Amino acid sequence: MDLFVVKMAEFIKVEMDTDAAHDFQHVKRVVLNAKQLCEAEKADEWVVMPAVWLHDCVTLPKDHPERASSSRLAADKAVTFLSEIGYPKTHFDHIHHAIVAHSYSANVAPKSLEACAVQDADRLDAIGAIGVARCLQVGTSIQRDFYEPDDPFALYRDVDDSQFTLDHFFQKLLRIEEMLHTEEAKREGRIRTDFMHHYLRQLRHEMGLLRR
């Protein structure tokens, strides 16, 4: 496996279309999450590891009209690469599915423990301290306003994260914990979600909207 990992890391460094939230450091963090989930849940690393290393070998920007097709394109490209380096073909269908299903925008349900682990590993990197930083990075990169000035926390309006970065917490990030599949991911997801709630409380305080 170690030799394959070296080749996968080299491949993803070259092939991935880096954006504000999807770079090689993101991949490394997802790999770390996946290793912990594999150990805790007894998932097959021969499926999970290539899937997490290669899950973003094709990425389309958050505001791209074909964003939902990114994971399928990545899965196709990943399997082609794995075939070229001699990775065991018996795992290809499971790897392909795990990559397709990892994406939030693709809306494909994971059908195996390994696909659940891959999806959980990626989603954990969207929440917590890292998740806050990535959310702000993306908002800045696509020139989205930080918050709606008259109702920053969407108390009296519909959330719209296409317009306001802060809305993304309410539209997606705070809901991710409920979508996690494995017990280990749920445990970690609770910790990271608690951090985001603390961040939002502090933000309210600093904006003069919460007294202590």
N, C-alpha and C. Protein backbone atom coordinates (compact mmCIF):
# COMPACT_ATOMS: atom_id res chain seq x y z
N MET A 1 0.82 -1.21 0.00
CA MET A 1 0.00 0.00 0.00
C MET A 1 0.86 1.27 0.00
N ASP A 2 1.98 1.25 0.72
CA ASP A 2 2.80 2.46 0.86
C ASP A 2 3.26 3.00 -0.49
N LEU A 3 3.68 2.11 -1.39
CA LEU A 3 4.14 2.55 -2.71
C LEU A 3 2.99 3.18 -3.49
N PHE A 4 1.82 2.60 -3.40
CA PHE A 4 0.65 3.17 -4.08
C PHE A 4 0.31 4.55 -3.51
N VAL A 5 0.44 4.71 -2.20
CA VAL A 5 0.14 5.99 -1.57
C VAL A 5 1.07 7.08 -2.08
N VAL A 6 2.34 6.76 -2.22
CA VAL A 6 3.31 7.72 -2.76
C VAL A 6 2.88 8.17 -4.16
N LYS A 7 2.48 7.21 -4.99
CA LYS A 7 2.07 7.53 -6.36
C LYS A 7 0.78 8.35 -6.37
N MET A 8 -0.14 8.02 -5.48
CA MET A 8 -1.40 8.77 -5.41
C MET A 8 -1.16 10.21 -4.95
N ALA A 9 -0.28 10.38 -3.97
CA ALA A 9 0.03 11.72 -3.48
C ALA A 9 0.68 12.56 -4.57
N GLU A 10 1.59 11.97 -5.32
CA GLU A 10 2.24 12.68 -6.41
C GLU A 10 1.23 13.06 -7.48
N PHE A 11 0.32 12.15 -7.78
CA PHE A 11 -0.70 12.39 -8.81
C PHE A 11 -1.63 13.53 -8.42
N ILE A 12 -2.12 13.51 -7.18
CA ILE A 12 -3.10 14.51 -6.78
C ILE A 12 -2.47 15.90 -6.70
N LYS A 13 -1.21 15.98 -6.34
CA LYS A 13 -0.53 17.28 -6.31
C LYS A 13 -0.54 17.94 -7.68
N VAL A 14 -0.41 17.13 -8.72
CA VAL A 14 -0.34 17.64 -10.08
C VAL A 14 -1.72 17.87 -10.68
N GLU A 15 -2.63 16.94 -10.42
CA GLU A 15 -3.89 16.90 -11.16
C GLU A 15 -5.01 17.74 -10.56
N MET A 16 -5.03 17.92 -9.24
CA MET A 16 -6.19 18.58 -8.66
C MET A 16 -6.21 20.06 -9.02
N ASP A 17 -7.40 20.55 -9.31
CA ASP A 17 -7.60 21.96 -9.61
C ASP A 17 -7.84 22.69 -8.30
N THR A 18 -6.77 23.23 -7.74
CA THR A 18 -6.84 23.82 -6.40
C THR A 18 -7.74 25.05 -6.39
N ASP A 19 -8.63 25.10 -5.40
CA ASP A 19 -9.38 26.32 -5.15
C ASP A 19 -9.19 26.69 -3.67
N ALA A 20 -9.94 27.68 -3.22
CA ALA A 20 -9.71 28.21 -1.88
C ALA A 20 -9.87 27.16 -0.78
N ALA A 21 -10.74 26.19 -1.00
CA ALA A 21 -11.01 25.21 0.06
C ALA A 21 -10.52 23.81 -0.27
N HIS A 22 -10.09 23.60 -1.51
CA HIS A 22 -9.66 22.27 -1.93
C HIS A 22 -8.22 22.33 -2.43
N ASP A 23 -7.30 22.03 -1.52
CA ASP A 23 -5.89 22.01 -1.88
C ASP A 23 -5.28 20.73 -1.31
N PHE A 24 -3.98 20.58 -1.46
CA PHE A 24 -3.34 19.35 -1.01
C PHE A 24 -3.43 19.19 0.51
N GLN A 25 -3.43 20.29 1.24
CA GLN A 25 -3.55 20.19 2.69
C GLN A 25 -4.93 19.67 3.09
N HIS A 26 -5.96 20.06 2.34
CA HIS A 26 -7.30 19.49 2.57
C HIS A 26 -7.28 17.98 2.38
N VAL A 27 -6.65 17.53 1.31
CA VAL A 27 -6.58 16.09 1.04
C VAL A 27 -5.88 15.37 2.18
N LYS A 28 -4.77 15.93 2.65
CA LYS A 28 -4.03 15.29 3.75
C LYS A 28 -4.86 15.21 5.03
N ARG A 29 -5.64 16.23 5.29
CA ARG A 29 -6.50 16.20 6.49
C ARG A 29 -7.60 15.15 6.35
N VAL A 30 -8.16 15.04 5.16
CA VAL A 30 -9.19 14.03 4.93
C VAL A 30 -8.60 12.63 5.05
N VAL A 31 -7.38 12.45 4.56
CA VAL A 31 -6.70 11.16 4.71
C VAL A 31 -6.51 10.83 6.19
N LEU A 32 -6.10 11.81 6.98
CA LEU A 32 -5.94 11.60 8.42
C LEU A 32 -7.26 11.21 9.07
N ASN A 33 -8.32 11.92 8.72
CA ASN A 33 -9.65 11.57 9.24
C ASN A 33 -10.02 10.14 8.86
N ALA A 34 -9.76 9.79 7.60
CA ALA A 34 -10.14 8.47 7.10
C ALA A 34 -9.37 7.35 7.80
N LYS A 35 -8.11 7.58 8.08
CA LYS A 35 -7.32 6.58 8.80
C LYS A 35 -7.92 6.31 10.17
N GLN A 36 -8.32 7.36 10.85
CA GLN A 36 -8.92 7.21 12.17
C GLN A 36 -10.26 6.48 12.09
N LEU A 37 -11.04 6.78 11.05
CA LEU A 37 -12.32 6.10 10.89
C LEU A 37 -12.14 4.64 10.52
N CYS A 38 -11.17 4.35 9.67
CA CYS A 38 -10.90 2.96 9.29
C CYS A 38 -10.52 2.13 10.52
N GLU A 39 -9.69 2.70 11.35
CA GLU A 39 -9.25 1.98 12.55
C GLU A 39 -10.42 1.75 13.51
N ALA A 40 -11.24 2.76 13.69
CA ALA A 40 -12.35 2.65 14.64
C ALA A 40 -13.49 1.79 14.12
N GLU A 41 -13.74 1.85 12.80
CA GLU A 41 -14.90 1.19 12.23
C GLU A 41 -14.56 -0.11 11.48
N LYS A 42 -13.27 -0.43 11.37
CA LYS A 42 -12.81 -1.64 10.67
C LYS A 42 -13.20 -1.62 9.19
N ALA A 43 -13.09 -0.46 8.57
CA ALA A 43 -13.35 -0.34 7.14
C ALA A 43 -12.12 -0.77 6.35
N ASP A 44 -12.33 -1.16 5.11
CA ASP A 44 -11.26 -1.67 4.24
C ASP A 44 -10.41 -0.51 3.71
N GLU A 45 -9.17 -0.43 4.16
CA GLU A 45 -8.29 0.66 3.73
C GLU A 45 -7.97 0.59 2.24
N TRP A 46 -8.05 -0.58 1.65
CA TRP A 46 -7.75 -0.71 0.22
C TRP A 46 -8.82 -0.05 -0.65
N VAL A 47 -9.96 0.22 -0.07
CA VAL A 47 -11.00 1.01 -0.73
C VAL A 47 -10.94 2.46 -0.26
N VAL A 48 -10.85 2.66 1.03
CA VAL A 48 -10.96 4.00 1.60
C VAL A 48 -9.76 4.88 1.24
N MET A 49 -8.55 4.35 1.36
CA MET A 49 -7.37 5.19 1.16
C MET A 49 -7.25 5.76 -0.26
N PRO A 50 -7.37 4.95 -1.31
CA PRO A 50 -7.32 5.57 -2.64
C PRO A 50 -8.48 6.53 -2.88
N ALA A 51 -9.64 6.22 -2.31
CA ALA A 51 -10.78 7.11 -2.51
C ALA A 51 -10.54 8.48 -1.88
N VAL A 52 -9.97 8.51 -0.68
CA VAL A 52 -9.74 9.82 -0.06
C VAL A 52 -8.56 10.56 -0.68
N TRP A 53 -7.52 9.83 -1.06
CA TRP A 53 -6.40 10.50 -1.72
C TRP A 53 -6.83 11.14 -3.04
N LEU A 54 -7.75 10.50 -3.75
CA LEU A 54 -8.08 10.93 -5.11
C LEU A 54 -9.44 11.59 -5.24
N HIS A 55 -10.15 11.80 -4.13
CA HIS A 55 -11.54 12.25 -4.23
C HIS A 55 -11.68 13.63 -4.86
N ASP A 56 -10.64 14.44 -4.83
CA ASP A 56 -10.70 15.78 -5.43
C ASP A 56 -9.78 15.92 -6.64
N CYS A 57 -9.53 14.82 -7.35
CA CYS A 57 -8.67 14.93 -8.53
C CYS A 57 -9.36 15.71 -9.65
N VAL A 58 -10.67 15.87 -9.54
CA VAL A 58 -11.42 16.83 -10.36
C VAL A 58 -12.29 17.63 -9.40
N THR A 59 -12.15 18.94 -9.42
CA THR A 59 -13.01 19.80 -8.60
C THR A 59 -13.47 20.98 -9.43
N LEU A 60 -14.75 21.24 -9.40
CA LEU A 60 -15.31 22.43 -10.05
C LEU A 60 -15.66 23.43 -8.96
N PRO A 61 -15.54 24.73 -9.23
CA PRO A 61 -15.79 25.75 -8.21
C PRO A 61 -17.19 25.65 -7.61
N LYS A 62 -17.34 26.14 -6.39
CA LYS A 62 -18.62 26.07 -5.69
C LYS A 62 -19.75 26.70 -6.49
N ASP A 63 -19.44 27.75 -7.25
CA ASP A 63 -20.49 28.45 -7.99
C ASP A 63 -20.57 28.00 -9.45
N HIS A 64 -19.91 26.88 -9.80
CA HIS A 64 -19.94 26.37 -11.17
C HIS A 64 -21.26 25.66 -11.43
N PRO A 65 -21.90 25.88 -12.59
CA PRO A 65 -23.21 25.25 -12.86
C PRO A 65 -23.17 23.73 -12.91
N GLU A 66 -22.00 23.15 -13.19
CA GLU A 66 -21.87 21.69 -13.26
C GLU A 66 -21.21 21.12 -12.01
N ARG A 67 -21.28 21.84 -10.91
CA ARG A 67 -20.62 21.42 -9.67
C ARG A 67 -21.01 20.00 -9.26
N ALA A 68 -22.25 19.62 -9.44
CA ALA A 68 -22.74 18.31 -8.99
C ALA A 68 -22.07 17.15 -9.72
N SER A 69 -21.46 17.41 -10.85
CA SER A 69 -20.81 16.33 -11.62
C SER A 69 -19.35 16.13 -11.24
N SER A 70 -18.81 16.96 -10.36
CA SER A 70 -17.39 16.89 -10.01
C SER A 70 -16.98 15.51 -9.51
N SER A 71 -17.75 14.95 -8.59
CA SER A 71 -17.33 13.70 -7.97
C SER A 71 -17.36 12.53 -8.95
N ARG A 72 -18.30 12.54 -9.88
CA ARG A 72 -18.33 11.47 -10.88
C ARG A 72 -17.13 11.59 -11.83
N LEU A 73 -16.81 12.79 -12.22
CA LEU A 73 -15.63 13.00 -13.06
C LEU A 73 -14.37 12.58 -12.31
N ALA A 74 -14.30 12.91 -11.03
CA ALA A 74 -13.15 12.53 -10.21
C ALA A 74 -13.05 11.01 -10.08
N ALA A 75 -14.18 10.35 -9.89
CA ALA A 75 -14.19 8.89 -9.75
C ALA A 75 -13.69 8.22 -11.03
N ASP A 76 -14.14 8.70 -12.17
CA ASP A 76 -13.69 8.14 -13.45
C ASP A 76 -12.18 8.32 -13.62
N LYS A 77 -11.72 9.52 -13.33
CA LYS A 77 -10.29 9.82 -13.48
C LYS A 77 -9.45 9.01 -12.50
N ALA A 78 -9.95 8.85 -11.28
CA ALA A 78 -9.21 8.10 -10.26
C ALA A 78 -9.04 6.64 -10.65
N VAL A 79 -10.10 6.02 -11.12
CA VAL A 79 -10.04 4.61 -11.50
C VAL A 79 -9.11 4.41 -12.69
N THR A 80 -9.13 5.33 -13.63
CA THR A 80 -8.20 5.25 -14.76
C THR A 80 -6.76 5.30 -14.28
N PHE A 81 -6.47 6.22 -13.37
CA PHE A 81 -5.12 6.33 -12.82
C PHE A 81 -4.73 5.08 -12.05
N LEU A 82 -5.61 4.59 -11.21
CA LEU A 82 -5.31 3.39 -10.41
C LEU A 82 -5.03 2.19 -11.30
N SER A 83 -5.74 2.09 -12.40
CA SER A 83 -5.48 1.01 -13.35
C SER A 83 -4.09 1.14 -13.95
N GLU A 84 -3.68 2.36 -14.24
CA GLU A 84 -2.37 2.61 -14.84
C GLU A 84 -1.22 2.26 -13.90
N ILE A 85 -1.44 2.39 -12.59
CA ILE A 85 -0.35 2.09 -11.64
C ILE A 85 -0.44 0.67 -11.08
N GLY A 86 -1.37 -0.11 -11.59
CA GLY A 86 -1.45 -1.51 -11.20
C GLY A 86 -2.15 -1.79 -9.89
N TYR A 87 -3.02 -0.88 -9.47
CA TYR A 87 -3.77 -1.10 -8.23
C TYR A 87 -4.75 -2.25 -8.44
N PRO A 88 -4.99 -3.08 -7.41
CA PRO A 88 -5.88 -4.25 -7.57
C PRO A 88 -7.28 -3.86 -8.08
N LYS A 89 -7.65 -4.42 -9.22
CA LYS A 89 -8.90 -4.04 -9.88
C LYS A 89 -10.15 -4.48 -9.12
N THR A 90 -10.00 -5.44 -8.23
CA THR A 90 -11.16 -5.91 -7.48
C THR A 90 -11.79 -4.81 -6.63
N HIS A 91 -11.04 -3.76 -6.37
CA HIS A 91 -11.53 -2.67 -5.52
C HIS A 91 -12.13 -1.52 -6.32
N PHE A 92 -12.01 -1.55 -7.64
CA PHE A 92 -12.34 -0.37 -8.44
C PHE A 92 -13.80 0.09 -8.29
N ASP A 93 -14.74 -0.84 -8.37
CA ASP A 93 -16.15 -0.45 -8.28
C ASP A 93 -16.46 0.22 -6.94
N HIS A 94 -15.89 -0.32 -5.87
CA HIS A 94 -16.14 0.24 -4.54
C HIS A 94 -15.47 1.61 -4.38
N ILE A 95 -14.27 1.75 -4.94
CA ILE A 95 -13.57 3.04 -4.90
C ILE A 95 -14.35 4.08 -5.69
N HIS A 96 -14.80 3.69 -6.88
CA HIS A 96 -15.55 4.60 -7.74
C HIS A 96 -16.80 5.11 -7.01
N HIS A 97 -17.55 4.19 -6.43
CA HIS A 97 -18.76 4.58 -5.71
C HIS A 97 -18.44 5.49 -4.53
N ALA A 98 -17.39 5.18 -3.79
CA ALA A 98 -17.04 5.99 -2.62
C ALA A 98 -16.69 7.41 -3.01
N ILE A 99 -16.01 7.58 -4.13
CA ILE A 99 -15.66 8.93 -4.59
C ILE A 99 -16.90 9.68 -5.07
N VAL A 100 -17.75 9.00 -5.84
CA VAL A 100 -18.98 9.64 -6.30
C VAL A 100 -19.83 10.09 -5.11
N ALA A 101 -19.95 9.22 -4.11
CA ALA A 101 -20.86 9.48 -2.98
C ALA A 101 -20.30 10.46 -1.96
N HIS A 102 -19.01 10.79 -2.04
CA HIS A 102 -18.45 11.68 -1.02
C HIS A 102 -19.01 13.09 -1.12
N SER A 103 -19.44 13.48 -2.29
CA SER A 103 -19.78 14.88 -2.56
C SER A 103 -21.15 15.26 -2.00
N TYR A 104 -21.19 16.38 -1.33
CA TYR A 104 -22.46 16.93 -0.82
C TYR A 104 -23.38 17.30 -1.98
N SER A 105 -22.83 17.95 -2.98
CA SER A 105 -23.64 18.44 -4.09
C SER A 105 -24.13 17.34 -5.01
N ALA A 106 -23.43 16.19 -5.05
CA ALA A 106 -23.86 15.08 -5.91
C ALA A 106 -25.11 14.40 -5.37
N ASN A 107 -25.32 14.46 -4.06
CA ASN A 107 -26.51 13.89 -3.42
C ASN A 107 -26.67 12.40 -3.72
N VAL A 108 -25.57 11.64 -3.58
CA VAL A 108 -25.58 10.19 -3.78
C VAL A 108 -25.36 9.53 -2.43
N ALA A 109 -26.26 8.64 -2.04
CA ALA A 109 -26.15 7.98 -0.73
C ALA A 109 -25.05 6.92 -0.76
N PRO A 110 -24.18 6.89 0.24
CA PRO A 110 -23.15 5.85 0.32
C PRO A 110 -23.79 4.49 0.63
N LYS A 111 -23.33 3.46 -0.09
CA LYS A 111 -23.95 2.14 0.04
C LYS A 111 -23.05 1.11 0.73
N SER A 112 -21.93 1.53 1.24
CA SER A 112 -21.02 0.61 1.93
C SER A 112 -20.39 1.33 3.11
N LEU A 113 -19.84 0.55 4.03
CA LEU A 113 -19.13 1.14 5.16
C LEU A 113 -17.99 2.01 4.68
N GLU A 114 -17.29 1.56 3.64
CA GLU A 114 -16.14 2.31 3.12
C GLU A 114 -16.58 3.64 2.52
N ALA A 115 -17.69 3.64 1.78
CA ALA A 115 -18.19 4.89 1.22
C ALA A 115 -18.65 5.84 2.32
N CYS A 116 -19.23 5.28 3.38
CA CYS A 116 -19.62 6.10 4.53
C CYS A 116 -18.39 6.73 5.17
N ALA A 117 -17.32 5.96 5.31
CA ALA A 117 -16.10 6.47 5.92
C ALA A 117 -15.49 7.59 5.09
N VAL A 118 -15.49 7.43 3.76
CA VAL A 118 -14.95 8.46 2.88
C VAL A 118 -15.78 9.73 2.98
N GLN A 119 -17.09 9.59 2.91
CA GLN A 119 -17.95 10.77 3.01
C GLN A 119 -17.79 11.45 4.36
N ASP A 120 -17.76 10.67 5.43
CA ASP A 120 -17.58 11.25 6.77
C ASP A 120 -16.24 11.97 6.90
N ALA A 121 -15.19 11.35 6.39
CA ALA A 121 -13.85 11.95 6.49
C ALA A 121 -13.80 13.30 5.81
N ASP A 122 -14.43 13.40 4.64
CA ASP A 122 -14.44 14.66 3.90
C ASP A 122 -15.31 15.69 4.61
N ARG A 123 -16.45 15.28 5.11
CA ARG A 123 -17.36 16.23 5.74
C ARG A 123 -16.84 16.74 7.08
N LEU A 124 -16.08 15.92 7.78
CA LEU A 124 -15.47 16.40 9.02
C LEU A 124 -14.54 17.58 8.76
N ASP A 125 -13.91 17.61 7.58
CA ASP A 125 -13.00 18.71 7.27
C ASP A 125 -13.75 19.99 6.91
N ALA A 126 -15.08 19.90 6.79
CA ALA A 126 -15.89 21.09 6.50
C ALA A 126 -16.40 21.76 7.76
N ILE A 127 -16.15 21.15 8.93
CA ILE A 127 -16.67 21.71 10.17
C ILE A 127 -15.55 21.87 11.20
N GLY A 128 -15.88 22.49 12.33
CA GLY A 128 -14.86 22.76 13.33
C GLY A 128 -14.02 23.98 12.97
N ALA A 129 -12.85 24.09 13.57
CA ALA A 129 -11.96 25.23 13.33
C ALA A 129 -11.54 25.31 11.87
N ILE A 130 -11.17 24.16 11.30
CA ILE A 130 -10.81 24.13 9.88
C ILE A 130 -12.01 24.52 9.03
N GLY A 131 -13.18 24.05 9.39
CA GLY A 131 -14.38 24.37 8.61
C GLY A 131 -14.68 25.85 8.59
N VAL A 132 -14.51 26.52 9.73
CA VAL A 132 -14.71 27.97 9.78
C VAL A 132 -13.74 28.67 8.83
N ALA A 133 -12.47 28.28 8.90
CA ALA A 133 -11.45 28.90 8.04
C ALA A 133 -11.75 28.67 6.57
N ARG A 134 -12.13 27.43 6.22
CA ARG A 134 -12.41 27.12 4.81
C ARG A 134 -13.64 27.88 4.32
N CYS A 135 -14.65 28.00 5.17
CA CYS A 135 -15.85 28.73 4.79
C CYS A 135 -15.53 30.19 4.47
N LEU A 136 -14.72 30.81 5.31
CA LEU A 136 -14.34 32.20 5.08
C LEU A 136 -13.47 32.34 3.84
N GLN A 137 -12.59 31.36 3.62
CA GLN A 137 -11.75 31.37 2.42
C GLN A 137 -12.60 31.36 1.16
N VAL A 138 -13.57 30.46 1.12
CA VAL A 138 -14.42 30.34 -0.06
C VAL A 138 -15.23 31.61 -0.27
N GLY A 139 -15.81 32.13 0.80
CA GLY A 139 -16.60 33.34 0.67
C GLY A 139 -15.81 34.50 0.10
N THR A 140 -14.57 34.64 0.55
CA THR A 140 -13.71 35.69 0.03
C THR A 140 -13.35 35.45 -1.43
N SER A 141 -13.06 34.20 -1.76
CA SER A 141 -12.60 33.89 -3.12
C SER A 141 -13.67 34.14 -4.17
N ILE A 142 -14.94 33.97 -3.81
CA ILE A 142 -16.02 34.20 -4.77
C ILE A 142 -16.71 35.54 -4.53
N GLN A 143 -16.06 36.39 -3.73
CA GLN A 143 -16.52 37.77 -3.48
C GLN A 143 -17.95 37.81 -2.93
N ARG A 144 -18.21 36.95 -1.97
CA ARG A 144 -19.51 36.90 -1.32
C ARG A 144 -19.45 37.76 -0.06
N ASP A 145 -20.50 38.53 0.22
CA ASP A 145 -20.54 39.34 1.44
C ASP A 145 -20.47 38.45 2.67
N PHE A 146 -19.83 38.95 3.73
CA PHE A 146 -19.71 38.15 4.95
C PHE A 146 -21.08 37.89 5.56
N TYR A 147 -21.92 38.95 5.70
CA TYR A 147 -23.25 38.75 6.27
C TYR A 147 -24.20 39.83 5.78
N GLU A 148 -25.49 39.56 5.91
CA GLU A 148 -26.52 40.52 5.56
C GLU A 148 -26.60 41.55 6.69
N PRO A 149 -26.40 42.83 6.41
CA PRO A 149 -26.21 43.81 7.48
C PRO A 149 -27.41 44.01 8.41
N ASP A 150 -28.62 43.86 7.91
CA ASP A 150 -29.80 44.12 8.74
C ASP A 150 -30.24 42.90 9.56
N ASP A 151 -29.86 41.72 9.12
CA ASP A 151 -30.24 40.49 9.83
C ASP A 151 -29.13 39.45 9.63
N PRO A 152 -27.96 39.67 10.25
CA PRO A 152 -26.78 38.83 9.98
C PRO A 152 -27.01 37.34 10.22
N PHE A 153 -27.82 36.99 11.22
CA PHE A 153 -27.99 35.59 11.60
C PHE A 153 -29.30 35.00 11.10
N ALA A 154 -29.89 35.66 10.12
CA ALA A 154 -31.07 35.15 9.40
C ALA A 154 -32.21 34.78 10.36
N LEU A 155 -32.48 35.66 11.30
CA LEU A 155 -33.57 35.40 12.25
C LEU A 155 -34.94 35.66 11.62
N TYR A 156 -35.00 36.58 10.65
CA TYR A 156 -36.28 36.99 10.08
C TYR A 156 -36.29 36.92 8.55
N ARG A 157 -35.43 36.11 7.99
CA ARG A 157 -35.36 35.96 6.53
C ARG A 157 -34.89 34.55 6.21
N ASP A 158 -35.04 34.17 4.95
CA ASP A 158 -34.52 32.88 4.49
C ASP A 158 -33.01 32.96 4.33
N VAL A 159 -32.32 31.90 4.70
CA VAL A 159 -30.87 31.89 4.52
C VAL A 159 -30.54 31.79 3.03
N ASP A 160 -29.43 32.39 2.65
CA ASP A 160 -29.00 32.39 1.25
C ASP A 160 -27.48 32.43 1.19
N ASP A 161 -26.86 31.25 1.16
CA ASP A 161 -25.40 31.23 1.18
C ASP A 161 -24.78 31.53 -0.18
N SER A 162 -25.60 31.77 -1.19
CA SER A 162 -25.05 32.25 -2.45
C SER A 162 -24.73 33.74 -2.36
N GLN A 163 -25.31 34.40 -1.35
CA GLN A 163 -25.09 35.83 -1.17
C GLN A 163 -24.25 36.17 0.05
N PHE A 164 -24.39 35.37 1.12
CA PHE A 164 -23.76 35.71 2.40
C PHE A 164 -23.03 34.50 2.98
N THR A 165 -21.76 34.70 3.29
CA THR A 165 -20.93 33.61 3.83
C THR A 165 -21.47 33.10 5.15
N LEU A 166 -21.90 33.99 6.03
CA LEU A 166 -22.38 33.56 7.34
C LEU A 166 -23.59 32.63 7.21
N ASP A 167 -24.39 32.82 6.19
CA ASP A 167 -25.56 31.97 5.99
C ASP A 167 -25.17 30.51 5.74
N HIS A 168 -23.95 30.29 5.28
CA HIS A 168 -23.52 28.92 4.99
C HIS A 168 -23.48 28.06 6.25
N PHE A 169 -23.24 28.69 7.39
CA PHE A 169 -23.28 27.94 8.64
C PHE A 169 -24.67 27.36 8.88
N PHE A 170 -25.69 28.17 8.63
CA PHE A 170 -27.06 27.75 8.92
C PHE A 170 -27.64 26.87 7.80
N GLN A 171 -27.18 27.12 6.59
CA GLN A 171 -27.69 26.36 5.45
C GLN A 171 -27.05 24.98 5.34
N LYS A 172 -25.80 24.85 5.79
CA LYS A 172 -25.11 23.56 5.61
C LYS A 172 -24.28 23.13 6.82
N LEU A 173 -23.33 23.95 7.25
CA LEU A 173 -22.29 23.47 8.18
C LEU A 173 -22.85 22.95 9.50
N LEU A 174 -23.82 23.63 10.08
CA LEU A 174 -24.37 23.19 11.36
C LEU A 174 -25.23 21.94 11.22
N ARG A 175 -25.55 21.56 10.00
CA ARG A 175 -26.38 20.37 9.74
C ARG A 175 -25.54 19.14 9.45
N ILE A 176 -24.25 19.32 9.20
CA ILE A 176 -23.42 18.19 8.78
C ILE A 176 -23.35 17.11 9.85
N GLU A 177 -23.29 17.50 11.10
CA GLU A 177 -23.22 16.51 12.19
C GLU A 177 -24.34 15.48 12.07
N GLU A 178 -25.53 15.91 11.69
CA GLU A 178 -26.68 15.02 11.58
C GLU A 178 -26.56 14.07 10.39
N MET A 179 -25.68 14.37 9.45
CA MET A 179 -25.55 13.57 8.24
C MET A 179 -24.43 12.53 8.31
N LEU A 180 -23.65 12.57 9.38
CA LEU A 180 -22.54 11.63 9.50
C LEU A 180 -23.05 10.22 9.78
N HIS A 181 -22.31 9.23 9.29
CA HIS A 181 -22.78 7.84 9.34
C HIS A 181 -22.11 7.01 10.43
N THR A 182 -20.80 7.09 10.53
CA THR A 182 -20.08 6.21 11.45
C THR A 182 -20.08 6.79 12.86
N GLU A 183 -20.00 5.91 13.84
CA GLU A 183 -20.05 6.36 15.23
C GLU A 183 -18.85 7.24 15.58
N GLU A 184 -17.68 6.89 15.07
CA GLU A 184 -16.49 7.69 15.35
C GLU A 184 -16.62 9.09 14.75
N ALA A 185 -17.16 9.18 13.54
CA ALA A 185 -17.36 10.49 12.91
C ALA A 185 -18.40 11.31 13.68
N LYS A 186 -19.44 10.66 14.16
CA LYS A 186 -20.45 11.37 14.94
C LYS A 186 -19.85 11.94 16.23
N ARG A 187 -18.98 11.16 16.86
CA ARG A 187 -18.32 11.64 18.08
C ARG A 187 -17.48 12.88 17.79
N GLU A 188 -16.67 12.80 16.74
CA GLU A 188 -15.82 13.94 16.37
C GLU A 188 -16.66 15.10 15.85
N GLY A 189 -17.71 14.78 15.12
CA GLY A 189 -18.59 15.81 14.58
C GLY A 189 -19.24 16.64 15.66
N ARG A 190 -19.59 16.01 16.79
CA ARG A 190 -20.18 16.74 17.92
C ARG A 190 -19.20 17.77 18.46
N ILE A 191 -17.94 17.40 18.59
CA ILE A 191 -16.91 18.30 19.10
C ILE A 191 -16.74 19.49 18.16
N ARG A 192 -16.68 19.20 16.87
CA ARG A 192 -16.45 20.27 15.89
C ARG A 192 -17.67 21.19 15.75
N THR A 193 -18.85 20.63 15.85
CA THR A 193 -20.05 21.45 15.77
C THR A 193 -20.18 22.35 17.00
N ASP A 194 -19.83 21.82 18.16
CA ASP A 194 -19.82 22.65 19.37
C ASP A 194 -18.89 23.85 19.20
N PHE A 195 -17.74 23.63 18.56
CA PHE A 195 -16.80 24.73 18.33
C PHE A 195 -17.45 25.80 17.45
N MET A 196 -18.16 25.39 16.40
CA MET A 196 -18.79 26.36 15.51
C MET A 196 -19.87 27.15 16.23
N HIS A 197 -20.63 26.50 17.10
CA HIS A 197 -21.63 27.23 17.89
C HIS A 197 -20.94 28.27 18.79
N HIS A 198 -19.81 27.89 19.37
CA HIS A 198 -19.06 28.83 20.20
C HIS A 198 -18.58 30.01 19.35
N TYR A 199 -18.09 29.73 18.14
CA TYR A 199 -17.65 30.80 17.24
C TYR A 199 -18.79 31.76 16.94
N LEU A 200 -19.96 31.23 16.66
CA LEU A 200 -21.10 32.08 16.32
C LEU A 200 -21.57 32.90 17.52
N ARG A 201 -21.51 32.32 18.71
CA ARG A 201 -21.86 33.10 19.91
C ARG A 201 -20.87 34.24 20.12
N GLN A 202 -19.59 33.96 19.92
CA GLN A 202 -18.57 35.00 20.06
C GLN A 202 -18.76 36.09 19.00
N LEU A 203 -19.12 35.68 17.79
CA LEU A 203 -19.35 36.63 16.72
C LEU A 203 -20.54 37.54 17.06
N ARG A 204 -21.60 36.96 17.57
CA ARG A 204 -22.75 37.77 18.01
C ARG A 204 -22.33 38.79 19.07
N HIS A 205 -21.51 38.34 20.01
CA HIS A 205 -21.03 39.23 21.07
C HIS A 205 -20.23 40.39 20.48
N GLU A 206 -19.32 40.09 19.57
CA GLU A 206 -18.46 41.13 19.01
C GLU A 206 -19.22 42.08 18.09
N MET A 207 -20.37 41.64 17.58
CA MET A 207 -21.21 42.50 16.74
C MET A 207 -22.24 43.26 17.57
N GLY A 208 -22.17 43.11 18.90
CA GLY A 208 -23.09 43.83 19.78
C GLY A 208 -24.49 43.26 19.81
N LEU A 209 -24.63 41.99 19.43
CA LEU A 209 -25.95 41.36 19.36
C LEU A 209 -26.19 40.38 20.51
N LEU A 210 -25.20 40.22 21.37
CA LEU A 210 -25.33 39.28 22.49
C LEU A 210 -24.60 39.85 23.69
N ARG A 211 -25.33 40.01 24.78
CA ARG A 211 -24.72 40.49 26.01
C ARG A 211 -24.32 39.31 26.89
N ARG A 212 -23.22 39.50 27.62
CA ARG A 212 -22.75 38.45 28.53
C ARG A 212 -22.88 38.90 29.98
